[in-house]
Amino acid sequence: PYNGLGNALQSLGRNKEAIEAYRQAIAIDPKYAYPYNGLGNALQSLGRNKEAIEMYRKLIDLADKKKHDYWVKRAEKIIAKLKE
């Protein structure tokens, strides 16, 4: 539920609150990959790119590469863009 809350808050532009919701989701299940994507997005929107990269890397590490291929490739592209 916290991941969904984070998504809703982020869609409303309430990124600081979304970050807290994603962190709650991660605290409950640190091996669930999706909140790391949302957290990376929220951090990136606040210009916290170094932290965002860390979250995208965590997503890549945790994701099932076959099942979540889209999300892994997306995270890799975002990391590359943020490092430019």
N, C-alpha and C. Protein backbone atom coordinates (compact mmCIF):
# COMPACT_ATOMS: atom_id res chain seq x y z
N PRO A 1 0.81 -1.22 0.00
CA PRO A 1 0.00 0.00 0.00
C PRO A 1 0.85 1.28 0.00
N TYR A 2 2.01 1.24 0.66
CA TYR A 2 2.84 2.44 0.70
C TYR A 2 3.42 2.77 -0.67
N ASN A 3 3.71 1.76 -1.47
CA ASN A 3 4.19 2.01 -2.82
C ASN A 3 3.10 2.72 -3.63
N GLY A 4 1.88 2.25 -3.53
CA GLY A 4 0.76 2.89 -4.22
C GLY A 4 0.54 4.31 -3.72
N LEU A 5 0.67 4.51 -2.42
CA LEU A 5 0.54 5.86 -1.86
C LEU A 5 1.63 6.76 -2.42
N GLY A 6 2.84 6.24 -2.48
CA GLY A 6 3.94 7.02 -3.06
C GLY A 6 3.65 7.40 -4.50
N ASN A 7 3.12 6.47 -5.27
CA ASN A 7 2.77 6.76 -6.67
C ASN A 7 1.71 7.85 -6.75
N ALA A 8 0.70 7.76 -5.90
CA ALA A 8 -0.37 8.76 -5.91
C ALA A 8 0.16 10.14 -5.52
N LEU A 9 0.96 10.18 -4.47
CA LEU A 9 1.53 11.46 -4.03
C LEU A 9 2.43 12.06 -5.10
N GLN A 10 3.22 11.21 -5.73
CA GLN A 10 4.11 11.71 -6.78
C GLN A 10 3.31 12.26 -7.95
N SER A 11 2.22 11.60 -8.31
CA SER A 11 1.41 12.09 -9.43
C SER A 11 0.77 13.44 -9.11
N LEU A 12 0.64 13.75 -7.83
CA LEU A 12 0.11 15.04 -7.40
C LEU A 12 1.22 16.09 -7.22
N GLY A 13 2.46 15.69 -7.50
CA GLY A 13 3.57 16.60 -7.36
C GLY A 13 4.06 16.76 -5.93
N ARG A 14 3.62 15.87 -5.06
CA ARG A 14 3.99 15.93 -3.65
C ARG A 14 5.17 14.97 -3.40
N ASN A 15 6.30 15.30 -4.01
CA ASN A 15 7.44 14.39 -4.06
C ASN A 15 8.08 14.13 -2.71
N LYS A 16 8.14 15.12 -1.85
CA LYS A 16 8.73 14.90 -0.53
C LYS A 16 7.91 13.89 0.27
N GLU A 17 6.59 14.00 0.18
CA GLU A 17 5.73 13.04 0.86
C GLU A 17 5.81 11.66 0.20
N ALA A 18 5.95 11.66 -1.13
CA ALA A 18 6.09 10.40 -1.86
C ALA A 18 7.35 9.67 -1.42
N ILE A 19 8.42 10.41 -1.21
CA ILE A 19 9.68 9.81 -0.76
C ILE A 19 9.46 9.07 0.55
N GLU A 20 8.74 9.69 1.46
CA GLU A 20 8.49 9.04 2.76
C GLU A 20 7.65 7.78 2.59
N ALA A 21 6.65 7.82 1.71
CA ALA A 21 5.82 6.63 1.47
C ALA A 21 6.66 5.50 0.87
N TYR A 22 7.50 5.83 -0.10
CA TYR A 22 8.36 4.80 -0.70
C TYR A 22 9.33 4.23 0.34
N ARG A 23 9.84 5.07 1.20
CA ARG A 23 10.75 4.58 2.24
C ARG A 23 10.01 3.65 3.21
N GLN A 24 8.75 3.93 3.47
CA GLN A 24 7.94 3.04 4.31
C GLN A 24 7.78 1.69 3.63
N ALA A 25 7.49 1.71 2.33
CA ALA A 25 7.34 0.46 1.58
C ALA A 25 8.63 -0.36 1.63
N ILE A 26 9.75 0.31 1.48
CA ILE A 26 11.05 -0.36 1.52
C ILE A 26 11.33 -0.92 2.91
N ALA A 27 10.95 -0.19 3.94
CA ALA A 27 11.16 -0.66 5.31
C ALA A 27 10.37 -1.95 5.57
N ILE A 28 9.19 -2.04 4.99
CA ILE A 28 8.35 -3.23 5.17
C ILE A 28 8.92 -4.42 4.41
N ASP A 29 9.36 -4.18 3.17
CA ASP A 29 9.90 -5.27 2.35
C ASP A 29 11.06 -4.74 1.51
N PRO A 30 12.28 -4.76 2.05
CA PRO A 30 13.44 -4.21 1.34
C PRO A 30 13.79 -4.93 0.04
N LYS A 31 13.21 -6.11 -0.20
CA LYS A 31 13.53 -6.85 -1.42
C LYS A 31 12.48 -6.65 -2.52
N TYR A 32 11.48 -5.83 -2.26
CA TYR A 32 10.45 -5.52 -3.25
C TYR A 32 10.99 -4.39 -4.13
N ALA A 33 11.17 -4.64 -5.40
CA ALA A 33 11.89 -3.72 -6.29
C ALA A 33 11.15 -2.43 -6.63
N TYR A 34 9.84 -2.49 -6.79
CA TYR A 34 9.10 -1.34 -7.31
C TYR A 34 9.25 -0.04 -6.53
N PRO A 35 9.26 -0.04 -5.20
CA PRO A 35 9.41 1.24 -4.50
C PRO A 35 10.73 1.95 -4.80
N TYR A 36 11.75 1.20 -5.16
CA TYR A 36 13.02 1.83 -5.50
C TYR A 36 12.90 2.65 -6.78
N ASN A 37 12.08 2.19 -7.70
CA ASN A 37 11.84 2.95 -8.93
C ASN A 37 11.12 4.26 -8.60
N GLY A 38 10.05 4.16 -7.83
CA GLY A 38 9.32 5.37 -7.45
C GLY A 38 10.17 6.33 -6.66
N LEU A 39 10.96 5.78 -5.74
CA LEU A 39 11.84 6.62 -4.93
C LEU A 39 12.87 7.30 -5.82
N GLY A 40 13.42 6.57 -6.77
CA GLY A 40 14.36 7.18 -7.71
C GLY A 40 13.72 8.30 -8.49
N ASN A 41 12.50 8.09 -8.96
CA ASN A 41 11.78 9.12 -9.71
C ASN A 41 11.55 10.37 -8.87
N ALA A 42 11.09 10.17 -7.63
CA ALA A 42 10.81 11.30 -6.75
C ALA A 42 12.08 12.07 -6.41
N LEU A 43 13.15 11.35 -6.13
CA LEU A 43 14.42 12.01 -5.83
C LEU A 43 14.93 12.78 -7.04
N GLN A 44 14.82 12.17 -8.20
CA GLN A 44 15.27 12.84 -9.43
C GLN A 44 14.47 14.12 -9.66
N SER A 45 13.18 14.10 -9.41
CA SER A 45 12.35 15.29 -9.63
C SER A 45 12.73 16.43 -8.70
N LEU A 46 13.38 16.10 -7.58
CA LEU A 46 13.85 17.13 -6.64
C LEU A 46 15.32 17.49 -6.87
N GLY A 47 15.91 16.96 -7.95
CA GLY A 47 17.28 17.27 -8.28
C GLY A 47 18.30 16.51 -7.44
N ARG A 48 17.86 15.48 -6.77
CA ARG A 48 18.75 14.68 -5.92
C ARG A 48 19.23 13.46 -6.73
N ASN A 49 19.97 13.76 -7.79
CA ASN A 49 20.32 12.76 -8.78
C ASN A 49 21.23 11.64 -8.26
N LYS A 50 22.17 11.98 -7.40
CA LYS A 50 23.08 10.95 -6.87
C LYS A 50 22.28 9.91 -6.09
N GLU A 51 21.35 10.37 -5.27
CA GLU A 51 20.50 9.44 -4.51
C GLU A 51 19.59 8.66 -5.44
N ALA A 52 19.09 9.33 -6.48
CA ALA A 52 18.21 8.67 -7.45
C ALA A 52 18.94 7.52 -8.13
N ILE A 53 20.18 7.77 -8.53
CA ILE A 53 20.98 6.73 -9.18
C ILE A 53 21.11 5.52 -8.26
N GLU A 54 21.35 5.76 -6.99
CA GLU A 54 21.47 4.66 -6.02
C GLU A 54 20.18 3.83 -5.98
N MET A 55 19.04 4.50 -6.03
CA MET A 55 17.77 3.78 -5.96
C MET A 55 17.52 2.99 -7.24
N TYR A 56 17.85 3.57 -8.39
CA TYR A 56 17.69 2.84 -9.65
C TYR A 56 18.62 1.62 -9.68
N ARG A 57 19.82 1.75 -9.15
CA ARG A 57 20.74 0.61 -9.09
C ARG A 57 20.17 -0.49 -8.19
N LYS A 58 19.56 -0.08 -7.10
CA LYS A 58 18.96 -1.06 -6.19
C LYS A 58 17.81 -1.79 -6.90
N LEU A 59 17.02 -1.06 -7.66
CA LEU A 59 15.95 -1.68 -8.46
C LEU A 59 16.54 -2.72 -9.40
N ILE A 60 17.60 -2.37 -10.10
CA ILE A 60 18.23 -3.29 -11.04
C ILE A 60 18.73 -4.53 -10.32
N ASP A 61 19.32 -4.35 -9.15
CA ASP A 61 19.83 -5.49 -8.38
C ASP A 61 18.73 -6.44 -7.93
N LEU A 62 17.58 -5.88 -7.57
CA LEU A 62 16.51 -6.70 -6.99
C LEU A 62 15.54 -7.28 -8.02
N ALA A 63 15.41 -6.62 -9.14
CA ALA A 63 14.39 -7.01 -10.12
C ALA A 63 14.71 -8.34 -10.78
N ASP A 64 13.66 -9.08 -11.07
CA ASP A 64 13.76 -10.28 -11.89
C ASP A 64 13.99 -9.79 -13.32
N LYS A 65 15.17 -10.02 -13.84
CA LYS A 65 15.57 -9.43 -15.12
C LYS A 65 14.64 -9.80 -16.28
N LYS A 66 14.08 -11.00 -16.27
CA LYS A 66 13.17 -11.40 -17.34
C LYS A 66 11.79 -10.79 -17.14
N LYS A 67 11.29 -10.92 -15.95
CA LYS A 67 9.93 -10.45 -15.65
C LYS A 67 9.82 -8.93 -15.67
N HIS A 68 10.87 -8.25 -15.25
CA HIS A 68 10.85 -6.79 -15.14
C HIS A 68 11.82 -6.13 -16.11
N ASP A 69 11.98 -6.73 -17.27
CA ASP A 69 12.92 -6.25 -18.27
C ASP A 69 12.71 -4.77 -18.60
N TYR A 70 11.45 -4.35 -18.77
CA TYR A 70 11.16 -2.96 -19.09
C TYR A 70 11.73 -2.02 -18.02
N TRP A 71 11.46 -2.34 -16.76
CA TRP A 71 11.87 -1.47 -15.65
C TRP A 71 13.38 -1.45 -15.50
N VAL A 72 14.03 -2.57 -15.72
CA VAL A 72 15.49 -2.64 -15.63
C VAL A 72 16.12 -1.79 -16.73
N LYS A 73 15.65 -1.93 -17.96
CA LYS A 73 16.20 -1.15 -19.07
C LYS A 73 15.94 0.34 -18.87
N ARG A 74 14.75 0.66 -18.37
CA ARG A 74 14.41 2.05 -18.11
C ARG A 74 15.36 2.64 -17.06
N ALA A 75 15.59 1.91 -15.99
CA ALA A 75 16.50 2.38 -14.94
C ALA A 75 17.91 2.56 -15.48
N GLU A 76 18.37 1.64 -16.30
CA GLU A 76 19.71 1.76 -16.88
C GLU A 76 19.82 3.02 -17.75
N LYS A 77 18.78 3.30 -18.53
CA LYS A 77 18.78 4.50 -19.37
C LYS A 77 18.79 5.78 -18.53
N ILE A 78 18.01 5.78 -17.46
CA ILE A 78 17.96 6.96 -16.60
C ILE A 78 19.31 7.18 -15.93
N ILE A 79 19.92 6.11 -15.45
CA ILE A 79 21.25 6.24 -14.82
C ILE A 79 22.25 6.83 -15.82
N ALA A 80 22.25 6.32 -17.02
CA ALA A 80 23.17 6.82 -18.05
C ALA A 80 22.94 8.31 -18.32
N LYS A 81 21.68 8.70 -18.39
CA LYS A 81 21.33 10.10 -18.64
C LYS A 81 21.76 10.98 -17.48
N LEU A 82 21.54 10.52 -16.25
CA LEU A 82 21.90 11.34 -15.09
C LEU A 82 23.40 11.48 -14.91
N LYS A 83 24.15 10.55 -15.45
CA LYS A 83 25.62 10.61 -15.32
C LYS A 83 26.24 11.54 -16.37
N GLU A 84 25.48 11.96 -17.37
CA GLU A 84 26.02 12.83 -18.44
C GLU A 84 26.45 14.17 -17.88
